[in-house]
Protein backbone atom coordinates (compact mmCIF):
# COMPACT_ATOMS: atom_id res chain seq x y z
CA ALA A 1 0.00 0.00 0.00
CA ARG A 2 1.20 3.45 -0.82
CA PRO A 3 1.44 6.02 1.96
CA PRO A 4 -1.14 8.80 1.90
CA LYS A 5 -0.23 11.99 0.03
CA ASP A 6 1.67 14.53 2.15
CA THR A 7 2.42 17.53 -0.06
CA ASP A 8 4.38 19.51 2.54
CA ASN A 9 6.20 16.48 4.01
CA ASP A 10 5.24 17.38 7.57
CA GLY A 11 4.24 13.83 8.50
CA MET A 12 0.49 14.45 8.32
CA PRO A 13 -1.51 13.28 5.28
CA ASP A 14 -3.14 16.02 3.21
CA GLU A 15 -6.65 14.64 3.78
CA TRP A 16 -6.13 14.61 7.55
CA GLU A 17 -4.92 18.22 7.43
CA LYS A 18 -7.83 19.35 5.24
CA ALA A 19 -10.34 17.72 7.61
CA ARG A 20 -8.89 19.86 10.42
CA ARG A 21 -8.69 23.06 8.37
CA LEU A 22 -4.90 22.97 8.18
CA ASN A 23 -2.98 23.87 5.04
CA PRO A 24 -1.57 20.73 3.37
CA ARG A 25 1.06 22.94 1.69
CA ASP A 26 2.39 24.50 4.90
CA ALA A 27 4.71 22.30 6.95
CA ALA A 28 4.56 24.81 9.82
CA ASP A 29 1.04 23.55 10.53
CA ALA A 30 2.62 20.55 12.24
CA SER A 31 3.54 22.76 15.21
CA LYS A 32 0.20 24.60 15.34
CA LYS A 33 -1.58 24.25 18.69
CA MET A 34 -4.89 22.47 18.33
CA PRO A 35 -7.96 22.92 20.59
CA SER A 36 -6.85 19.80 22.50
CA GLY A 37 -3.67 21.59 23.60
CA TYR A 38 -1.49 19.28 21.54
CA THR A 39 0.28 20.33 18.36
CA ALA A 40 -1.21 19.08 15.10
CA ILE A 41 1.52 16.46 14.61
CA GLU A 42 1.08 15.22 18.19
CA GLU A 43 -2.65 14.92 17.63
CA TYR A 44 -2.10 12.99 14.40
CA VAL A 45 0.44 10.61 15.95
CA ASN A 46 -1.74 10.06 19.03
CA GLN A 47 -4.73 9.29 16.82
CA ARG A 48 -2.71 6.81 14.74
CA ALA A 49 -1.30 5.13 17.84
CA ASP A 50 -4.77 4.86 19.38
CA ARG A 51 -6.12 3.16 16.24
CA LEU A 52 -3.23 0.70 16.13
CA ILE A 53 -3.59 -0.15 19.82
CA ARG A 54 -7.34 -0.70 19.46
CA ARG A 55 -6.80 -2.93 16.44
CA TYR A 56 -4.15 -4.94 18.29
CA VAL A 57 -6.28 -5.33 21.41
CA ARG A 58 -9.33 -6.32 19.35
CA GLN A 59 -7.31 -8.94 17.44
CA ASP A 60 -5.74 -10.24 20.63
CA ALA A 61 -9.13 -10.51 22.32
CA SER A 62 -10.58 -12.45 19.41
CA THR A 63 -7.73 -14.97 19.29
CA SER A 64 -7.12 -15.72 22.94
CA ARG A 65 -8.89 -15.99 26.23
CA PRO A 66 -8.35 -13.38 28.90
CA SER A 67 -5.72 -14.58 31.31
CA ARG A 68 -6.10 -14.47 35.04
CA PRO A 69 -3.11 -13.83 37.24
CA ARG A 70 -2.15 -16.83 39.33
CA GLN A 71 -2.62 -16.34 43.01
CA GLN A 72 0.26 -17.41 45.17
CA THR A 73 -0.19 -18.67 48.67
CA PRO A 74 2.42 -17.83 51.27
CA GLY A 75 5.32 -20.26 51.08
CA SER A 76 4.63 -21.44 47.53
CA GLU A 77 6.77 -20.31 44.64
């Protein structure tokens, strides 16, 4: 798969920038503070990481049973 288009090479895809009213031709937008308090690039990376984590957790949950920690009694190791 080809990476999404990033005209200004700031690490954020053009479509993502347009959806947030950023300029896909201005790399300085990456350091713009967003309403969340994060910069635009931080918001993008956090969003990507969150999606990957959710996908991983969902896949893990569908392929294995939840594990329970073993309880140890005093004197047993």
